[in-house]
């Protein structure tokens, strides 16, 4: 990509170089500098491809000149730095968010077009067009393959972090097949976050995101029951939480706190840390979580944060206090078409002793789109409480 400046040409040329390596290395042996060998051969293949085009059809004369002028062996740039350049290239703000995610998974994560299409529940052709559109935009907009300068880093980094976190949450919230968890997406998102944390060790929000993801992922083994239905945080077996991931997340969070003022990912990680430190649901410090949500809402006053804040306040100060916040007209108008709003409202009504109100709220939730696993779990919870008989 550094040499030819065109993501598609770079990808095609490297594939041809790998095919040649598969033919030759078995007999000749692996060269001392395999990366240099592959890049050199790929460069030659790219030049051959350019030569096969007429001058009128060469899309970028500058790419041809750049390929011809590169005559020395490549320096062995550390692979993590190359990954970071690719992440920033794929997550350039000139690209739409859905294109950023698709390109990052394909180019950096190595997922196939079919795998990405399955994760986002679109057709292979739609996802293929999305990836192709992103590559074309990178070429036509002359998006540089590099880590941004210091003055551009904050705005670019925000997009990168949001994309990685979206990949991570997609692993839990966009079920495909028989399980609502996509392990491949979770693992790839965690790897990308760890790469960033290694390469930007003094960036608080990078550390905060990595901490949040590890603290959340520590509960992976307990999120589903044997039938694949989700288990809420209150009823998870905490002895099965991954203690190594919790320790790593707490360490990353501690490092983030030493950097600068807390940002959204640090605050979310701090909330996850309160859950991780609690011996059981009963001993969760909901007052601390409510305070942290106050800070998060001040930074990012979104409806989802407001809903989570209302829950934390309801569990720390009483369900009626939380319900008063949830029933505020502005929040209700923003989230009334989202099933989680009504599920949460139903749980607070249940805690307040209003069984009829809880049933009505959950009936509203069941009328809205949700995954099959969530729907089954909600129906079972309602039946277990005898709410089907409530009139």
Protein backbone atom coordinates (compact mmCIF):
# COMPACT_ATOMS: atom_id res chain seq x y z
CA UNK A 1 0.00 0.00 0.00
CA UNK A 2 2.88 2.38 0.76
CA UNK A 3 4.44 1.60 -2.62
CA UNK A 4 1.51 1.72 -5.04
CA UNK A 5 -0.93 3.85 -3.05
CA UNK A 6 -3.92 1.77 -4.18
CA UNK A 7 -5.45 -0.73 -1.78
CA UNK A 8 -6.92 -3.01 -4.46
CA UNK A 9 -3.71 -3.10 -6.50
CA UNK A 10 -1.71 -3.80 -3.35
CA UNK A 11 -4.04 -6.64 -2.37
CA UNK A 12 -4.00 -8.23 -5.83
CA UNK A 13 -0.23 -7.94 -6.17
CA UNK A 14 0.38 -9.46 -2.74
CA UNK A 15 -1.91 -12.40 -3.54
CA UNK A 16 0.12 -13.09 -6.68
CA UNK A 17 3.35 -12.89 -4.68
CA UNK A 18 2.00 -15.33 -2.10
CA UNK A 19 1.02 -17.74 -4.88
CA UNK A 20 4.56 -17.57 -6.27
CA UNK A 21 6.00 -18.12 -2.78
CA UNK A 22 3.83 -21.23 -2.37
CA UNK A 23 5.31 -22.60 -5.60
CA UNK A 24 8.98 -21.70 -4.98
CA UNK A 25 9.65 -21.80 -1.25
CA UNK A 26 8.95 -25.51 -0.94
CA UNK A 27 12.01 -26.28 -3.08
CA UNK A 28 14.24 -23.25 -2.50
CA UNK A 29 13.43 -22.77 1.18
CA UNK A 30 12.06 -19.74 3.00
CA UNK A 31 14.22 -16.65 2.31
CA UNK A 32 16.04 -14.87 5.12
CA UNK A 33 13.73 -11.88 4.75
CA UNK A 34 10.34 -13.33 3.74
CA UNK A 35 8.52 -10.02 4.15
CA UNK A 36 11.04 -8.25 1.93
CA UNK A 37 10.80 -11.05 -0.64
CA UNK A 38 7.01 -10.82 -0.76
CA UNK A 39 6.99 -7.03 -1.04
CA UNK A 40 9.63 -7.05 -3.79
CA UNK A 41 7.79 -9.65 -5.84
CA UNK A 42 4.45 -7.94 -5.23
CA UNK A 43 5.92 -4.65 -6.44
CA UNK A 44 7.04 -6.34 -9.66
CA UNK A 45 3.59 -7.82 -10.13
CA UNK A 46 2.03 -4.38 -9.62
CA UNK A 47 4.37 -2.89 -12.25
CA UNK A 48 3.42 -5.68 -14.65
CA UNK A 49 -0.24 -4.91 -14.09
CA UNK A 50 0.33 -1.20 -14.74
CA UNK A 51 2.26 -1.99 -17.94
CA UNK A 52 -0.64 -4.07 -19.22
CA UNK A 53 -2.89 -1.02 -19.13
CA UNK A 54 -3.04 1.64 -21.81
CA UNK A 55 -1.95 5.11 -20.81
CA UNK A 56 -5.54 6.32 -21.07
CA UNK A 57 -6.81 3.62 -18.71
CA UNK A 58 -4.17 4.09 -16.02
CA UNK A 59 -6.25 5.49 -13.21
CA UNK A 60 -3.44 7.33 -11.45
CA UNK A 61 -0.19 8.28 -13.19
CA UNK A 62 1.30 9.01 -9.78
CA UNK A 63 0.88 5.36 -8.79
CA UNK A 64 2.85 4.22 -11.82
CA UNK A 65 5.64 6.71 -11.12
CA UNK A 66 5.77 5.68 -7.48
CA UNK A 67 6.03 1.98 -8.36
CA UNK A 68 8.81 2.54 -10.90
CA UNK A 69 10.85 4.78 -8.59
CA UNK A 70 10.91 2.31 -5.70
CA UNK A 71 14.13 0.36 -6.37
CA UNK A 72 15.51 -0.47 -2.92
CA UNK A 73 14.63 -3.29 -0.54
CA UNK A 74 11.88 -2.28 1.88
CA UNK A 75 12.74 -1.43 5.42
CA UNK A 76 11.33 -3.95 7.86
CA UNK A 77 8.72 -1.73 9.46
CA UNK A 78 7.24 -3.46 12.50
CA UNK A 79 4.10 -5.32 11.52
CA UNK A 80 2.00 -3.71 14.31
CA UNK A 81 2.84 -0.28 12.89
CA UNK A 82 1.66 -1.44 9.48
CA UNK A 83 -1.55 -2.70 11.04
CA UNK A 84 -2.06 0.65 12.70
CA UNK A 85 -1.58 2.46 9.39
CA UNK A 86 -4.14 0.16 7.83
CA UNK A 87 -6.62 0.77 10.64
CA UNK A 88 -6.33 4.53 10.23
CA UNK A 89 -6.60 4.22 6.45
CA UNK A 90 -9.73 2.08 6.66
CA UNK A 91 -11.29 4.36 9.31
CA UNK A 92 -10.71 7.67 7.55
CA UNK A 93 -13.61 10.08 8.29
CA UNK A 94 -14.19 10.50 4.55
CA UNK A 95 -15.60 6.97 4.57
CA UNK A 96 -19.06 6.12 5.85
CA UNK A 97 -19.09 4.25 9.18
CA UNK A 98 -20.43 1.01 7.70
CA UNK A 99 -17.65 1.12 5.09
CA UNK A 100 -15.03 1.74 7.80
CA UNK A 101 -16.13 -1.34 9.72
CA UNK A 102 -16.30 -3.55 6.62
CA UNK A 103 -12.87 -2.48 5.36
CA UNK A 104 -11.24 -2.90 8.78
CA UNK A 105 -12.59 -6.42 9.17
CA UNK A 106 -11.60 -7.37 5.63
CA UNK A 107 -8.22 -5.73 5.25
CA UNK A 108 -6.90 -5.78 8.81
CA UNK A 109 -8.81 -8.71 10.26
CA UNK A 110 -8.66 -10.97 7.23
CA UNK A 111 -12.37 -11.88 7.32
CA UNK A 112 -13.94 -12.83 4.00
CA UNK A 113 -16.67 -10.81 2.37
CA UNK A 114 -19.14 -13.63 3.13
CA UNK A 115 -18.19 -13.67 6.82
CA UNK A 116 -18.62 -9.92 7.17
CA UNK A 117 -21.91 -10.02 5.26
CA UNK A 118 -23.18 -12.74 7.59
CA UNK A 119 -22.21 -10.75 10.70
CA UNK A 120 -24.12 -7.68 9.49
CA UNK A 121 -27.01 -9.67 8.00
CA UNK A 122 -26.66 -8.30 4.46
CA UNK A 123 -26.07 -10.11 1.19
CA UNK A 124 -22.58 -10.98 -0.01
CA UNK A 125 -23.04 -8.70 -3.01
CA UNK A 126 -24.07 -5.76 -0.81
CA UNK A 127 -21.03 -6.22 1.43
CA UNK A 128 -18.76 -6.70 -1.59
CA UNK A 129 -19.98 -3.40 -3.04
CA UNK A 130 -19.42 -1.73 0.33
CA UNK A 131 -15.80 -2.92 0.48
CA UNK A 132 -15.15 -2.02 -3.15
CA UNK A 133 -16.66 1.42 -2.60
CA UNK A 134 -14.33 1.99 0.34
CA UNK A 135 -11.24 0.99 -1.62
CA UNK A 136 -12.27 3.28 -4.49
CA UNK A 137 -12.85 6.17 -2.09
CA UNK A 138 -9.39 5.71 -0.57
CA UNK A 139 -7.85 5.90 -4.05
CA UNK A 140 -9.92 8.78 -5.39
CA UNK A 141 -9.65 10.88 -2.22
CA UNK A 142 -5.87 10.24 -2.02
CA UNK A 143 -6.22 9.04 1.58
CA UNK A 144 -2.68 8.59 2.87
CA UNK A 145 -1.50 5.26 4.25
CA UNK A 146 -0.10 6.59 7.52
CA UNK A 147 -0.82 7.39 11.12
CA UNK A 148 -2.17 10.97 11.22
CA UNK A 149 -0.10 13.87 12.48
CA UNK A 150 -0.50 14.86 16.11
CA UNK A 151 -2.91 17.68 15.30
CA UNK A 152 -5.17 15.33 13.31
CA UNK A 153 -4.92 12.36 15.64
CA UNK A 154 -7.78 13.18 18.07
CA UNK A 155 -10.49 13.36 15.39
CA UNK A 156 -9.14 10.36 13.48
CA UNK A 157 -8.61 8.29 16.61
CA UNK A 158 -12.21 8.77 17.69
CA UNK A 159 -13.42 7.09 14.52
CA UNK A 160 -10.93 4.23 14.89
CA UNK A 161 -11.94 3.53 18.48
CA UNK A 162 -15.65 3.72 17.64
CA UNK A 163 -15.17 1.27 14.78
CA UNK A 164 -13.26 -1.24 16.89
CA UNK A 165 -15.85 -1.03 19.65
CA UNK A 166 -18.66 -1.47 17.13
CA UNK A 167 -16.97 -4.63 15.86
CA UNK A 168 -16.79 -5.87 19.45
CA UNK A 169 -20.42 -5.12 20.29
CA UNK A 170 -21.50 -6.64 16.99
CA UNK A 171 -19.96 -9.89 18.20
CA UNK A 172 -22.51 -9.91 21.02
CA UNK A 173 -25.48 -8.07 19.54
CA UNK A 174 -25.73 -9.29 15.94
CA UNK A 175 -26.40 -13.03 16.27
CA UNK A 176 -26.00 -15.37 13.31
CA UNK A 177 -26.63 -19.08 13.20
CA UNK A 178 -27.51 -20.93 16.38
CA UNK A 179 -25.58 -18.71 18.79
CA UNK A 180 -26.00 -15.00 19.56
CA UNK A 181 -22.22 -14.64 20.01
CA UNK A 182 -19.75 -14.23 17.14
CA UNK A 183 -16.46 -15.31 18.72
CA UNK A 184 -14.44 -14.40 15.62
CA UNK A 185 -15.60 -10.79 15.77
CA UNK A 186 -14.94 -10.56 19.51
CA UNK A 187 -11.44 -11.93 19.20
CA UNK A 188 -10.58 -9.70 16.25
CA UNK A 189 -11.83 -6.58 18.03
CA UNK A 190 -9.84 -7.47 21.14
CA UNK A 191 -6.72 -8.00 19.04
CA UNK A 192 -7.11 -4.62 17.34
CA UNK A 193 -7.62 -2.88 20.70
CA UNK A 194 -4.52 -4.55 22.11
CA UNK A 195 -2.47 -3.48 19.06
CA UNK A 196 -3.55 0.13 19.59
CA UNK A 197 -2.84 -0.04 23.32
CA UNK A 198 0.66 -1.33 22.59
CA UNK A 199 1.39 1.30 19.98
CA UNK A 200 -0.24 4.25 21.79
CA UNK A 201 0.58 3.38 25.42
CA UNK A 202 0.04 6.94 26.72
CA UNK A 203 -3.37 7.55 25.13
CA UNK A 204 -5.98 7.36 27.86
CA UNK A 205 -8.97 6.59 25.67
CA UNK A 206 -7.12 3.81 23.83
CA UNK A 207 -6.28 2.22 27.17
CA UNK A 208 -9.82 2.86 28.38
CA UNK A 209 -11.33 1.09 25.37
CA UNK A 210 -9.02 -1.91 25.75
CA UNK A 211 -9.87 -2.06 29.48
CA UNK A 212 -13.61 -1.86 28.78
CA UNK A 213 -13.47 -4.64 26.20
CA UNK A 214 -11.41 -7.01 28.36
CA UNK A 215 -13.56 -6.42 31.45
CA UNK A 216 -16.69 -7.04 29.39
CA UNK A 217 -15.28 -10.07 27.60
CA UNK A 218 -14.24 -11.64 30.91
CA UNK A 219 -17.90 -12.59 31.31
CA UNK A 220 -18.12 -14.34 27.93
CA UNK A 221 -18.43 -17.90 29.30
CA UNK A 222 -21.38 -16.95 31.51
CA UNK A 223 -23.47 -14.83 29.14
CA UNK A 224 -25.49 -17.77 27.73
CA UNK A 225 -27.16 -20.77 29.30
CA UNK A 226 -26.93 -24.31 27.91
CA UNK A 227 -29.78 -23.55 25.52
CA UNK A 228 -28.08 -20.45 24.13
CA UNK A 229 -30.35 -17.99 25.93
CA UNK A 230 -28.82 -14.83 27.44
CA UNK A 231 -28.19 -14.73 31.20
CA UNK A 232 -28.44 -11.28 32.73
CA UNK A 233 -25.57 -9.94 34.80
CA UNK A 234 -27.38 -10.53 38.09
CA UNK A 235 -27.65 -14.29 37.53
CA UNK A 236 -24.26 -15.03 35.95
CA UNK A 237 -21.91 -17.44 37.76
CA UNK A 238 -19.09 -15.09 38.71
CA UNK A 239 -16.76 -17.94 39.59
CA UNK A 240 -16.58 -18.60 35.84
CA UNK A 241 -15.56 -15.06 34.93
CA UNK A 242 -12.08 -14.93 33.39
CA UNK A 243 -9.86 -13.62 36.19
CA UNK A 244 -6.90 -13.06 33.86
CA UNK A 245 -8.95 -10.79 31.61
CA UNK A 246 -10.30 -8.94 34.64
CA UNK A 247 -6.76 -8.35 35.93
CA UNK A 248 -5.64 -7.14 32.50
CA UNK A 249 -8.65 -4.82 32.24
CA UNK A 250 -8.05 -3.35 35.70
CA UNK A 251 -4.38 -2.80 34.89
CA UNK A 252 -5.22 -1.01 31.63
CA UNK A 253 -7.79 1.12 33.45
CA UNK A 254 -5.25 2.09 36.10
CA UNK A 255 -2.82 3.16 33.37
CA UNK A 256 -5.55 5.18 31.67
CA UNK A 257 -6.31 7.06 34.87
CA UNK A 258 -2.71 8.23 35.03
CA UNK A 259 -2.83 9.82 31.57
CA UNK A 260 -5.34 12.68 31.48
CA UNK A 261 -8.96 13.61 32.09
CA UNK A 262 -11.36 10.67 31.84
CA UNK A 263 -13.14 10.11 28.55
CA UNK A 264 -16.21 8.04 27.65
CA UNK A 265 -14.36 4.73 27.27
CA UNK A 266 -12.54 5.17 30.57
CA UNK A 267 -15.81 5.85 32.37
CA UNK A 268 -17.48 2.83 30.78
CA UNK A 269 -14.48 0.74 31.77
CA UNK A 270 -14.74 2.07 35.33
CA UNK A 271 -18.39 0.95 35.40
CA UNK A 272 -17.39 -2.50 34.17
CA UNK A 273 -14.70 -2.58 36.85
CA UNK A 274 -17.29 -2.02 39.61
CA UNK A 275 -19.18 -5.07 38.38
CA UNK A 276 -15.95 -7.08 38.10
CA UNK A 277 -14.93 -6.30 41.69
CA UNK A 278 -18.32 -7.18 43.23
CA UNK A 279 -18.38 -10.63 44.80
CA UNK A 280 -22.03 -11.04 43.77
CA UNK A 281 -24.89 -8.99 42.36
CA UNK A 282 -26.15 -8.06 45.81
CA UNK A 283 -22.86 -6.36 46.71
CA UNK A 284 -22.63 -4.29 43.52
CA UNK A 285 -21.92 -0.64 44.33
CA UNK A 286 -24.79 0.86 42.34
CA UNK A 287 -24.26 4.28 43.91
CA UNK A 288 -20.75 4.37 42.42
CA UNK A 289 -22.08 3.18 39.07
CA UNK A 290 -24.73 5.93 39.13
CA UNK A 291 -22.04 8.52 39.84
CA UNK A 292 -19.95 7.22 36.94
CA UNK A 293 -22.98 7.38 34.66
CA UNK A 294 -23.50 10.99 35.72
CA UNK A 295 -20.01 11.72 34.41
CA UNK A 296 -20.56 9.68 31.24
CA UNK A 297 -23.86 11.45 30.52
CA UNK A 298 -22.15 14.82 30.93
CA UNK A 299 -19.67 13.81 28.21
CA UNK A 300 -22.01 11.88 25.91
CA UNK A 301 -25.67 12.74 26.61
CA UNK A 302 -27.18 10.05 24.40
CA UNK A 303 -30.55 8.36 25.03
CA UNK A 304 -28.86 4.99 25.64
CA UNK A 305 -26.55 6.47 28.27
CA UNK A 306 -29.55 8.21 29.84
CA UNK A 307 -31.40 4.89 30.02
CA UNK A 308 -28.46 3.10 31.64
CA UNK A 309 -28.04 5.99 34.06
CA UNK A 310 -31.71 5.76 35.04
CA UNK A 311 -31.31 2.04 35.76
CA UNK A 312 -28.24 2.65 37.94
CA UNK A 313 -30.06 5.40 39.85
CA UNK A 314 -33.11 3.16 40.22
CA UNK A 315 -31.02 0.36 41.68
CA UNK A 316 -29.18 2.69 44.05
CA UNK A 317 -31.94 5.10 45.14
CA UNK A 318 -35.06 3.05 44.52
CA UNK A 319 -36.97 1.88 41.42
CA UNK A 320 -39.47 4.74 41.53
CA UNK A 321 -36.65 7.27 41.20
CA UNK A 322 -35.33 5.41 38.17
CA UNK A 323 -38.78 5.14 36.64
CA UNK A 324 -39.27 8.89 36.96
CA UNK A 325 -36.16 9.38 34.81
CA UNK A 326 -37.15 6.70 32.29
CA UNK A 327 -40.62 8.21 31.90
CA UNK A 328 -39.29 11.65 31.02
CA UNK A 329 -40.99 12.56 27.71
CA UNK A 330 -37.78 13.27 25.80
CA UNK A 331 -36.20 9.92 26.68
CA UNK A 332 -39.42 8.01 26.08
CA UNK A 333 -39.82 9.64 22.65
CA UNK A 334 -36.24 8.74 21.71
CA UNK A 335 -36.38 5.07 22.73
CA UNK A 336 -40.01 3.96 22.61
CA UNK A 337 -39.38 2.05 19.35
CA UNK A 338 -36.46 0.16 20.91
CA UNK A 339 -37.37 -3.02 22.79
CA UNK A 340 -34.71 -2.53 25.45
CA UNK A 341 -36.40 0.63 26.74
CA UNK A 342 -39.56 -1.32 27.57
CA UNK A 343 -37.64 -4.32 28.95
CA UNK A 344 -35.73 -2.09 31.36
CA UNK A 345 -38.85 -0.20 32.32
CA UNK A 346 -40.59 -3.50 33.02
CA UNK A 347 -37.81 -4.65 35.33
CA UNK A 348 -37.97 -1.45 37.37
CA UNK A 349 -41.75 -1.77 37.57
CA UNK A 350 -41.27 -5.35 38.73
CA UNK A 351 -38.88 -4.18 41.46
CA UNK A 352 -41.39 -1.54 42.54
CA UNK A 353 -44.05 -4.23 43.00
CA UNK A 354 -46.17 -3.20 40.00
CA UNK A 355 -46.65 -6.60 38.31
CA UNK A 356 -49.37 -5.36 35.95
CA UNK A 357 -47.23 -2.44 34.83
CA UNK A 358 -44.27 -4.78 34.26
CA UNK A 359 -46.42 -7.07 32.11
CA UNK A 360 -47.67 -4.15 30.01
CA UNK A 361 -44.11 -2.88 29.48
CA UNK A 362 -42.88 -6.31 28.40
CA UNK A 363 -45.86 -6.75 26.09
CA UNK A 364 -44.78 -3.52 24.39
CA UNK A 365 -41.22 -4.85 24.12
CA UNK A 366 -42.42 -8.10 22.53
CA UNK A 367 -44.19 -6.11 19.81
CA UNK A 368 -40.85 -4.66 18.70
CA UNK A 369 -37.94 -6.28 16.81
CA UNK A 370 -35.48 -8.27 18.93
CA UNK A 371 -33.39 -11.38 18.51
CA UNK A 372 -35.07 -14.77 18.92
CA UNK A 373 -32.86 -15.47 21.93
CA UNK A 374 -33.89 -12.25 23.67
CA UNK A 375 -37.57 -12.89 22.93
CA UNK A 376 -37.44 -16.41 24.36
CA UNK A 377 -35.61 -15.24 27.49
CA UNK A 378 -38.13 -12.46 28.10
CA UNK A 379 -41.09 -14.80 27.67
CA UNK A 380 -39.55 -17.31 30.06
CA UNK A 381 -38.83 -14.62 32.64
CA UNK A 382 -42.40 -13.34 32.43
CA UNK A 383 -43.81 -16.85 32.74
CA UNK A 384 -41.57 -17.67 35.72
CA UNK A 385 -42.96 -14.66 37.57
CA UNK A 386 -46.53 -15.74 36.84
CA UNK A 387 -47.23 -12.55 34.95
CA UNK A 388 -49.17 -14.36 32.25
CA UNK A 389 -51.91 -14.78 34.84
CA UNK A 390 -51.88 -11.13 35.92
CA UNK A 391 -54.98 -9.24 34.81
